[in-house]
Amino acid sequence: MTKVLIAGFTGAMGQKAVRLVQRTAGYELVAGFAAGLTSTTPADYDLPANVQIFGALDDIQTDADIWIDFTLPSVVYPNVKFAIEHGIHPVVGTTGLTDEQVTELQALAAKQQLGGLIAPNFGMSAVLLMKFAKEAAAYFPDVEIIEMHHDNKADAPSGTALSTAKLIDEVRPKHKQGNPAETESLAGVRGGDYNGIRIHAVRLPGYVAHEQVLFGGPGEALTIRQDSFDRESFMTGVKVAMDNVLDLNELVVGLENVL
């Protein structure tokens, strides 16, 4: 039986992950962690009595094999560092890690000889969008990204959009797109700039997670879009990560690397 701790178990994604673990044969939910909890009684969260509840990182004592993290960008780095240092394989769905933090965590995982997975998105449609966008960028170097999320999302741009830009940048011929004399009459109206790739973030109620990658060329255009209408759609990818993370011998970035 593979034992699982879920960090951020009280949140929307955390609750989906709780139900996923509970209904999946071969897995056992042994602990839940959410910073600042006033109660550590499992029944208060509709959980069995054998599930340990922790409200502070330093209080965690567990024999969990997998740490699933759906917390906040501000705390994901110390969370994942704690998991690796304590021999727990991290499956990270929280965005907000910087490139430097990812590098540090990968070095720590290598030192611990521990595998893990950081996934900017667990949705299959989003993973495929990133794959297709990278392929298209070799032929359409002029590109912009629009990502749309619910209005409670803490970080911008989304981890998926930033990962998409990074993948595109690997194959996109370096050049200055658009009007070289362009000016902004309203600061920031052209969006964020990742090596010349513009990223635009939309935050509105009613949305869940959506992304468009727009390519333009002489006389033609290509749009690749994915839509996640329900957080339940992400659980397919979380299940894939759970099934594969114990076999990894390094901290991998991107669900596509275990498909």
C-alpha atoms as a PDB file:
ATOM      1  CA  MET A   1       0.000   0.000   0.000  1.00  0.00           C
ATOM      2  CA  THR A   2       1.439   3.374  -1.045  1.00  0.00           C
ATOM      3  CA  LYS A   3       0.946   6.020   1.644  1.00  0.00           C
ATOM      4  CA  VAL A   4       0.067   9.585   0.684  1.00  0.00           C
ATOM      5  CA  LEU A   5       0.202  12.972   2.432  1.00  0.00           C
ATOM      6  CA  ILE A   6      -1.725  15.835   0.842  1.00  0.00           C
ATOM      7  CA  ALA A   7      -0.488  19.364   1.529  1.00  0.00           C
ATOM      8  CA  GLY A   8      -3.251  21.910   1.059  1.00  0.00           C
ATOM      9  CA  PHE A   9      -5.874  19.227   1.617  1.00  0.00           C
ATOM     10  CA  THR A  10      -8.553  21.761   2.651  1.00  0.00           C
ATOM     11  CA  GLY A  11      -8.417  23.672  -0.649  1.00  0.00           C
ATOM     12  CA  ALA A  12     -10.395  23.038  -3.823  1.00  0.00           C
ATOM     13  CA  MET A  13      -7.660  21.009  -5.528  1.00  0.00           C
ATOM     14  CA  GLY A  14      -6.637  19.390  -2.269  1.00  0.00           C
ATOM     15  CA  GLN A  15     -10.155  18.084  -1.721  1.00  0.00           C
ATOM     16  CA  LYS A  16     -10.195  16.581  -5.215  1.00  0.00           C
ATOM     17  CA  ALA A  17      -6.873  14.885  -4.442  1.00  0.00           C
ATOM     18  CA  VAL A  18      -8.232  13.533  -1.144  1.00  0.00           C
ATOM     19  CA  ARG A  19     -11.124  11.850  -2.938  1.00  0.00           C
ATOM     20  CA  LEU A  20      -8.810  10.546  -5.665  1.00  0.00           C
ATOM     21  CA  VAL A  21      -6.535   8.831  -3.129  1.00  0.00           C
ATOM     22  CA  GLN A  22      -9.464   7.468  -1.144  1.00  0.00           C
ATOM     23  CA  ARG A  23     -11.082   5.838  -4.168  1.00  0.00           C
ATOM     24  CA  THR A  24      -7.903   4.500  -5.789  1.00  0.00           C
ATOM     25  CA  ALA A  25      -6.865   0.935  -4.986  1.00  0.00           C
ATOM     26  CA  GLY A  26      -3.313   0.547  -3.713  1.00  0.00           C
ATOM     27  CA  TYR A  27      -3.146   4.010  -2.105  1.00  0.00           C
ATOM     28  CA  GLU A  28      -3.845   5.134   1.452  1.00  0.00           C
ATOM     29  CA  LEU A  29      -4.313   8.690   2.703  1.00  0.00           C
ATOM     30  CA  VAL A  30      -2.246   8.845   5.896  1.00  0.00           C
ATOM     31  CA  ALA A  31      -1.920  12.600   6.468  1.00  0.00           C
ATOM     32  CA  GLY A  32      -3.220  16.029   5.568  1.00  0.00           C
ATOM     33  CA  PHE A  33      -1.356  19.306   5.987  1.00  0.00           C
ATOM     34  CA  ALA A  34      -2.656  22.867   5.775  1.00  0.00           C
ATOM     35  CA  ALA A  35      -0.841  25.726   7.471  1.00  0.00           C
ATOM     36  CA  GLY A  36      -2.652  27.480  10.274  1.00  0.00           C
ATOM     37  CA  LEU A  37      -5.328  24.897  11.049  1.00  0.00           C
ATOM     38  CA  THR A  38      -7.052  25.444  14.383  1.00  0.00           C
ATOM     39  CA  SER A  39      -8.090  21.794  14.676  1.00  0.00           C
ATOM     40  CA  THR A  40      -6.097  18.636  14.057  1.00  0.00           C
ATOM     41  CA  THR A  41      -9.067  16.337  14.566  1.00  0.00           C
ATOM     42  CA  PRO A  42      -9.666  14.282  11.384  1.00  0.00           C
ATOM     43  CA  ALA A  43     -13.447  14.158  11.929  1.00  0.00           C
ATOM     44  CA  ASP A  44     -13.600  17.941  11.570  1.00  0.00           C
ATOM     45  CA  TYR A  45     -12.557  17.448   7.941  1.00  0.00           C
ATOM     46  CA  ASP A  46     -14.691  14.352   7.287  1.00  0.00           C
ATOM     47  CA  LEU A  47     -11.605  12.161   7.345  1.00  0.00           C
ATOM     48  CA  PRO A  48     -11.088   8.777   9.048  1.00  0.00           C
ATOM     49  CA  ALA A  49      -9.582   8.762  12.533  1.00  0.00           C
ATOM     50  CA  ASN A  50      -6.330   7.181  11.296  1.00  0.00           C
ATOM     51  CA  VAL A  51      -5.480  10.193   9.098  1.00  0.00           C
ATOM     52  CA  GLN A  52      -2.985  12.514  10.797  1.00  0.00           C
ATOM     53  CA  ILE A  53      -3.728  16.237  10.503  1.00  0.00           C
ATOM     54  CA  PHE A  54      -0.971  18.848  10.707  1.00  0.00           C
ATOM     55  CA  GLY A  55      -1.243  22.630  10.850  1.00  0.00           C
ATOM     56  CA  ALA A  56       2.488  23.446  10.861  1.00  0.00           C
ATOM     57  CA  LEU A  57       5.287  22.148   8.691  1.00  0.00           C
ATOM     58  CA  ASP A  58       7.626  21.520  11.618  1.00  0.00           C
ATOM     59  CA  ASP A  59       5.012  19.332  13.335  1.00  0.00           C
ATOM     60  CA  ILE A  60       4.823  16.794  10.523  1.00  0.00           C
ATOM     61  CA  GLN A  61       5.874  13.260  11.409  1.00  0.00           C
ATOM     62  CA  THR A  62       4.726  10.724   8.857  1.00  0.00           C
ATOM     63  CA  ASP A  63       5.669   7.559   7.038  1.00  0.00           C
ATOM     64  CA  ALA A  64       4.100   8.795   3.798  1.00  0.00           C
ATOM     65  CA  ASP A  65       5.704   7.711   0.525  1.00  0.00           C
ATOM     66  CA  ILE A  66       4.216  10.509  -1.622  1.00  0.00           C
ATOM     67  CA  TRP A  67       3.690  14.201  -0.855  1.00  0.00           C
ATOM     68  CA  ILE A  68       1.007  15.769  -3.074  1.00  0.00           C
ATOM     69  CA  ASP A  69       1.242  19.565  -2.926  1.00  0.00           C
ATOM     70  CA  PHE A  70      -1.667  21.851  -3.781  1.00  0.00           C
ATOM     71  CA  THR A  71      -0.843  24.811  -1.549  1.00  0.00           C
ATOM     72  CA  LEU A  72       0.230  28.380  -2.354  1.00  0.00           C
ATOM     73  CA  PRO A  73       3.119  29.877  -4.368  1.00  0.00           C
ATOM     74  CA  SER A  74       4.417  31.559  -1.205  1.00  0.00           C
ATOM     75  CA  VAL A  75       4.955  28.254   0.638  1.00  0.00           C
ATOM     76  CA  VAL A  76       5.516  25.640  -2.063  1.00  0.00           C
ATOM     77  CA  TYR A  77       9.326  25.869  -1.936  1.00  0.00           C
ATOM     78  CA  PRO A  78       9.732  25.130   1.806  1.00  0.00           C
ATOM     79  CA  ASN A  79       7.030  22.449   1.524  1.00  0.00           C
ATOM     80  CA  VAL A  80       8.783  20.566  -1.251  1.00  0.00           C
ATOM     81  CA  LYS A  81      12.170  21.029   0.384  1.00  0.00           C
ATOM     82  CA  PHE A  82      10.753  19.503   3.590  1.00  0.00           C
ATOM     83  CA  ALA A  83       9.323  16.545   1.676  1.00  0.00           C
ATOM     84  CA  ILE A  84      12.607  15.803  -0.102  1.00  0.00           C
ATOM     85  CA  GLU A  85      14.666  16.173   3.078  1.00  0.00           C
ATOM     86  CA  HIS A  86      12.382  13.649   4.783  1.00  0.00           C
ATOM     87  CA  GLY A  87      12.502  11.093   1.963  1.00  0.00           C
ATOM     88  CA  ILE A  88       8.973  11.718   0.673  1.00  0.00           C
ATOM     89  CA  HIS A  89       8.501  11.740  -3.113  1.00  0.00           C
ATOM     90  CA  PRO A  90       6.915  15.091  -4.074  1.00  0.00           C
ATOM     91  CA  VAL A  91       4.137  15.456  -6.654  1.00  0.00           C
ATOM     92  CA  VAL A  92       3.827  19.221  -7.015  1.00  0.00           C
ATOM     93  CA  GLY A  93       0.804  20.894  -8.571  1.00  0.00           C
ATOM     94  CA  THR A  94       1.399  24.259  -6.915  1.00  0.00           C
ATOM     95  CA  THR A  95       2.843  26.876  -9.262  1.00  0.00           C
ATOM     96  CA  GLY A  96       5.140  29.763  -8.380  1.00  0.00           C
ATOM     97  CA  LEU A  97       8.531  28.066  -8.064  1.00  0.00           C
ATOM     98  CA  THR A  98      11.297  30.126  -9.649  1.00  0.00           C
ATOM     99  CA  ASP A  99      13.862  28.553 -11.982  1.00  0.00           C
ATOM    100  CA  GLU A 100      16.463  28.970  -9.248  1.00  0.00           C
ATOM    101  CA  GLN A 101      14.265  27.204  -6.690  1.00  0.00           C
ATOM    102  CA  VAL A 102      13.595  24.320  -9.068  1.00  0.00           C
ATOM    103  CA  THR A 103      17.337  23.940  -9.657  1.00  0.00           C
ATOM    104  CA  GLU A 104      17.992  23.921  -5.902  1.00  0.00           C
ATOM    105  CA  LEU A 105      15.271  21.328  -5.292  1.00  0.00           C
ATOM    106  CA  GLN A 106      16.578  19.145  -8.109  1.00  0.00           C
ATOM    107  CA  ALA A 107      20.057  19.259  -6.595  1.00  0.00           C
ATOM    108  CA  LEU A 108      18.635  18.347  -3.178  1.00  0.00           C
ATOM    109  CA  ALA A 109      16.640  15.464  -4.667  1.00  0.00           C
ATOM    110  CA  ALA A 110      19.750  14.192  -6.434  1.00  0.00           C
ATOM    111  CA  LYS A 111      21.672  14.319  -3.159  1.00  0.00           C
ATOM    112  CA  GLN A 112      18.867  12.382  -1.455  1.00  0.00           C
ATOM    113  CA  GLN A 113      18.596  10.010  -4.445  1.00  0.00           C
ATOM    114  CA  LEU A 114      14.873  10.722  -4.495  1.00  0.00           C
ATOM    115  CA  GLY A 115      12.522  11.060  -7.449  1.00  0.00           C
ATOM    116  CA  GLY A 116       9.669  13.526  -7.744  1.00  0.00           C
ATOM    117  CA  LEU A 117       7.538  15.455 -10.199  1.00  0.00           C
ATOM    118  CA  ILE A 118       6.717  19.135 -10.616  1.00  0.00           C
ATOM    119  CA  ALA A 119       3.763  19.562 -12.973  1.00  0.00           C
ATOM    120  CA  PRO A 120       2.778  23.058 -14.166  1.00  0.00           C
ATOM    121  CA  ASN A 121      -0.528  21.463 -15.147  1.00  0.00           C
ATOM    122  CA  PHE A 122      -2.067  18.035 -14.590  1.00  0.00           C
ATOM    123  CA  GLY A 123      -4.661  18.439 -17.333  1.00  0.00           C
ATOM    124  CA  MET A 124      -4.001  16.223 -20.347  1.00  0.00           C
ATOM    125  CA  SER A 125      -5.284  18.919 -22.697  1.00  0.00           C
ATOM    126  CA  ALA A 126      -2.789  21.418 -21.242  1.00  0.00           C
ATOM    127  CA  VAL A 127       0.104  18.954 -21.500  1.00  0.00           C
ATOM    128  CA  LEU A 128      -0.749  18.307 -25.145  1.00  0.00           C
ATOM    129  CA  LEU A 129      -1.136  22.041 -25.822  1.00  0.00           C
ATOM    130  CA  MET A 130       2.425  22.609 -24.621  1.00  0.00           C
ATOM    131  CA  LYS A 131       3.685  19.744 -26.753  1.00  0.00           C
ATOM    132  CA  PHE A 132       1.904  20.974 -29.897  1.00  0.00           C
ATOM    133  CA  ALA A 133       2.925  24.595 -29.294  1.00  0.00           C
ATOM    134  CA  LYS A 134       6.590  23.635 -29.155  1.00  0.00           C
ATOM    135  CA  GLU A 135       6.246  21.780 -32.459  1.00  0.00           C
ATOM    136  CA  ALA A 136       4.457  24.701 -34.127  1.00  0.00           C
ATOM    137  CA  ALA A 137       6.956  27.328 -32.930  1.00  0.00           C
ATOM    138  CA  ALA A 138       9.638  25.992 -35.253  1.00  0.00           C
ATOM    139  CA  TYR A 139       7.452  27.085 -38.170  1.00  0.00           C
ATOM    140  CA  PHE A 140       5.657  30.081 -36.635  1.00  0.00           C
ATOM    141  CA  PRO A 141       8.187  32.122 -34.638  1.00  0.00           C
ATOM    142  CA  ASP A 142       5.753  35.000 -34.041  1.00  0.00           C
ATOM    143  CA  VAL A 143       3.633  33.990 -31.066  1.00  0.00           C
ATOM    144  CA  GLU A 144       1.692  35.316 -28.094  1.00  0.00           C
ATOM    145  CA  ILE A 145       0.058  33.483 -25.192  1.00  0.00           C
ATOM    146  CA  ILE A 146      -3.214  34.270 -23.442  1.00  0.00           C
ATOM    147  CA  GLU A 147      -4.050  32.418 -20.224  1.00  0.00           C
ATOM    148  CA  MET A 148      -7.393  32.751 -18.437  1.00  0.00           C
ATOM    149  CA  HIS A 149      -8.063  31.642 -14.863  1.00  0.00           C
ATOM    150  CA  HIS A 150     -10.492  32.140 -11.998  1.00  0.00           C
ATOM    151  CA  ASP A 151     -10.215  35.361 -10.048  1.00  0.00           C
ATOM    152  CA  ASN A 152      -8.865  33.665  -6.908  1.00  0.00           C
ATOM    153  CA  LYS A 153      -5.658  32.464  -8.559  1.00  0.00           C
ATOM    154  CA  ALA A 154      -2.715  33.832  -6.583  1.00  0.00           C
ATOM    155  CA  ASP A 155       0.018  34.026  -9.234  1.00  0.00           C
ATOM    156  CA  ALA A 156       0.325  35.410 -12.747  1.00  0.00           C
ATOM    157  CA  PRO A 157       1.206  34.288 -15.288  1.00  0.00           C
ATOM    158  CA  SER A 158       0.102  30.710 -14.729  1.00  0.00           C
ATOM    159  CA  GLY A 159       2.757  28.053 -14.464  1.00  0.00           C
ATOM    160  CA  THR A 160       1.340  26.451 -17.595  1.00  0.00           C
ATOM    161  CA  ALA A 161       1.662  29.644 -19.637  1.00  0.00           C
ATOM    162  CA  LEU A 162       5.207  30.237 -18.445  1.00  0.00           C
ATOM    163  CA  SER A 163       6.154  26.621 -19.180  1.00  0.00           C
ATOM    164  CA  THR A 164       4.600  26.963 -22.632  1.00  0.00           C
ATOM    165  CA  ALA A 165       6.733  30.045 -23.294  1.00  0.00           C
ATOM    166  CA  LYS A 166       9.877  28.236 -22.122  1.00  0.00           C
ATOM    167  CA  LEU A 167       9.199  25.259 -24.411  1.00  0.00           C
ATOM    168  CA  ILE A 168       8.519  27.563 -27.357  1.00  0.00           C
ATOM    169  CA  ASP A 169      11.710  29.499 -26.612  1.00  0.00           C
ATOM    170  CA  GLU A 170      13.743  26.284 -26.954  1.00  0.00           C
ATOM    171  CA  VAL A 171      12.941  26.020 -30.673  1.00  0.00           C
ATOM    172  CA  ARG A 172      11.798  29.501 -31.698  1.00  0.00           C
ATOM    173  CA  PRO A 173      14.312  31.425 -33.827  1.00  0.00           C
ATOM    174  CA  LYS A 174      15.513  34.415 -31.823  1.00  0.00           C
ATOM    175  CA  HIS A 175      14.136  37.608 -33.288  1.00  0.00           C
ATOM    176  CA  LYS A 176      12.215  40.787 -32.445  1.00  0.00           C
ATOM    177  CA  GLN A 177       8.577  40.387 -33.394  1.00  0.00           C
ATOM    178  CA  GLY A 178       6.120  43.235 -33.917  1.00  0.00           C
ATOM    179  CA  ASN A 179       6.784  46.889 -34.548  1.00  0.00           C
ATOM    180  CA  PRO A 180      10.265  47.882 -33.342  1.00  0.00           C
ATOM    181  CA  ALA A 181       8.942  51.412 -32.693  1.00  0.00           C
ATOM    182  CA  GLU A 182       5.998  50.156 -30.627  1.00  0.00           C
ATOM    183  CA  THR A 183       4.945  52.246 -27.627  1.00  0.00           C
ATOM    184  CA  GLU A 184       2.472  51.622 -24.809  1.00  0.00           C
ATOM    185  CA  SER A 185      -0.010  54.404 -24.097  1.00  0.00           C
ATOM    186  CA  LEU A 186      -1.117  52.309 -21.112  1.00  0.00           C
ATOM    187  CA  ALA A 187       1.732  50.687 -19.172  1.00  0.00           C
ATOM    188  CA  GLY A 188       1.732  46.888 -19.354  1.00  0.00           C
ATOM    189  CA  VAL A 189      -0.947  46.654 -22.017  1.00  0.00           C
ATOM    190  CA  ARG A 190       1.258  44.384 -24.156  1.00  0.00           C
ATOM    191  CA  GLY A 191       1.571  41.860 -21.343  1.00  0.00           C
ATOM    192  CA  GLY A 192       4.581  40.182 -19.776  1.00  0.00           C
ATOM    193  CA  ASP A 193       7.665  39.506 -21.862  1.00  0.00           C
ATOM    194  CA  TYR A 194       9.514  36.177 -21.772  1.00  0.00           C
ATOM    195  CA  ASN A 195      12.424  36.457 -24.231  1.00  0.00           C
ATOM    196  CA  GLY A 196      10.193  38.316 -26.669  1.00  0.00           C
ATOM    197  CA  ILE A 197       7.143  36.085 -26.167  1.00  0.00           C
ATOM    198  CA  ARG A 198       4.236  38.106 -24.819  1.00  0.00           C
ATOM    199  CA  ILE A 199       2.067  36.506 -22.120  1.00  0.00           C
ATOM    200  CA  HIS A 200      -1.313  37.945 -21.175  1.00  0.00           C
ATOM    201  CA  ALA A 201      -3.085  36.883 -17.954  1.00  0.00           C
ATOM    202  CA  VAL A 202      -6.871  37.137 -17.520  1.00  0.00           C
ATOM    203  CA  ARG A 203      -8.516  36.709 -14.098  1.00  0.00           C
ATOM    204  CA  LEU A 204     -12.315  36.460 -14.042  1.00  0.00           C
ATOM    205  CA  PRO A 205     -15.007  34.646 -12.052  1.00  0.00           C
ATOM    206  CA  GLY A 206     -16.539  31.695 -13.874  1.00  0.00           C
ATOM    207  CA  TYR A 207     -13.271  30.570 -15.419  1.00  0.00           C
ATOM    208  CA  VAL A 208     -11.248  27.576 -14.212  1.00  0.00           C
ATOM    209  CA  ALA A 209      -8.080  27.189 -16.349  1.00  0.00           C
ATOM    210  CA  HIS A 210      -7.765  28.010 -20.049  1.00  0.00           C
ATOM    211  CA  GLU A 211      -4.951  28.863 -22.442  1.00  0.00           C
ATOM    212  CA  GLN A 212      -4.551  29.998 -26.031  1.00  0.00           C
ATOM    213  CA  VAL A 213      -1.325  30.086 -27.996  1.00  0.00           C
ATOM    214  CA  LEU A 214      -1.634  32.344 -31.024  1.00  0.00           C
ATOM    215  CA  PHE A 215       0.819  31.979 -33.909  1.00  0.00           C
ATOM    216  CA  GLY A 216       0.913  34.398 -36.833  1.00  0.00           C
ATOM    217  CA  GLY A 217       2.607  34.105 -40.217  1.00  0.00           C
ATOM    218  CA  PRO A 218       2.368  35.695 -43.671  1.00  0.00           C
ATOM    219  CA  GLY A 219      -1.250  35.292 -44.726  1.00  0.00           C
ATOM    220  CA  GLU A 220      -2.153  32.698 -42.084  1.00  0.00           C
ATOM    221  CA  ALA A 221      -2.540  32.090 -38.368  1.00  0.00           C
ATOM    222  CA  LEU A 222      -2.685  29.118 -36.042  1.00  0.00           C
ATOM    223  CA  THR A 223      -4.446  29.020 -32.659  1.00  0.00           C
ATOM    224  CA  ILE A 224      -4.016  26.189 -30.162  1.00  0.00           C
ATOM    225  CA  ARG A 225      -6.410  26.267 -27.214  1.00  0.00           C
ATOM    226  CA  GLN A 226      -7.195  24.123 -24.201  1.00  0.00           C
ATOM    227  CA  ASP A 227      -9.996  24.472 -21.671  1.00  0.00           C
ATOM    228  CA  SER A 228     -10.339  22.921 -18.234  1.00  0.00           C
ATOM    229  CA  PHE A 229     -13.951  23.374 -17.166  1.00  0.00           C
ATOM    230  CA  ASP A 230     -13.759  21.394 -13.927  1.00  0.00           C
ATOM    231  CA  ARG A 231     -10.914  20.740 -11.501  1.00  0.00           C
ATOM    232  CA  GLU A 232     -11.825  17.065 -11.612  1.00  0.00           C
ATOM    233  CA  SER A 233     -10.158  16.968 -15.037  1.00  0.00           C
ATOM    234  CA  PHE A 234      -6.768  17.433 -13.347  1.00  0.00           C
ATOM    235  CA  MET A 235      -7.110  14.229 -11.357  1.00  0.00           C
ATOM    236  CA  THR A 236      -6.300  12.042 -14.385  1.00  0.00           C
ATOM    237  CA  GLY A 237      -2.857  13.600 -14.447  1.00  0.00           C
ATOM    238  CA  VAL A 238      -2.443  13.384 -10.671  1.00  0.00           C
ATOM    239  CA  LYS A 239      -3.193   9.656 -10.887  1.00  0.00           C
ATOM    240  CA  VAL A 240      -0.538   9.279 -13.619  1.00  0.00           C
ATOM    241  CA  ALA A 241       1.944  11.101 -11.381  1.00  0.00           C
ATOM    242  CA  MET A 242       1.116   8.912  -8.366  1.00  0.00           C
ATOM    243  CA  ASP A 243       1.556   5.768 -10.423  1.00  0.00           C
ATOM    244  CA  ASN A 244       4.978   6.812 -11.726  1.00  0.00           C
ATOM    245  CA  VAL A 245       6.693   8.991  -9.124  1.00  0.00           C
ATOM    246  CA  LEU A 246       8.148   6.148  -7.042  1.00  0.00           C
ATOM    247  CA  ASP A 247       9.977   4.885 -10.129  1.00  0.00           C
ATOM    248  CA  LEU A 248      11.692   8.226 -10.785  1.00  0.00           C
ATOM    249  CA  ASN A 249      15.282   8.775  -9.684  1.00  0.00           C
ATOM    250  CA  GLU A 250      15.312  12.555 -10.132  1.00  0.00           C
ATOM    251  CA  LEU A 251      13.022  15.568  -9.698  1.00  0.00           C
ATOM    252  CA  VAL A 252      11.320  15.863 -13.087  1.00  0.00           C
ATOM    253  CA  VAL A 253       9.521  18.940 -14.404  1.00  0.00           C
ATOM    254  CA  GLY A 254       6.499  18.315 -16.621  1.00  0.00           C
ATOM    255  CA  LEU A 255       3.902  15.561 -16.625  1.00  0.00           C
ATOM    256  CA  GLU A 256       4.727  14.812 -20.258  1.00  0.00           C
ATOM    257  CA  ASN A 257       7.996  13.267 -19.061  1.00  0.00           C
ATOM    258  CA  VAL A 258       6.199  10.390 -17.348  1.00  0.00           C
ATOM    259  CA  LEU A 259       3.487   9.730 -19.936  1.00  0.00           C
END
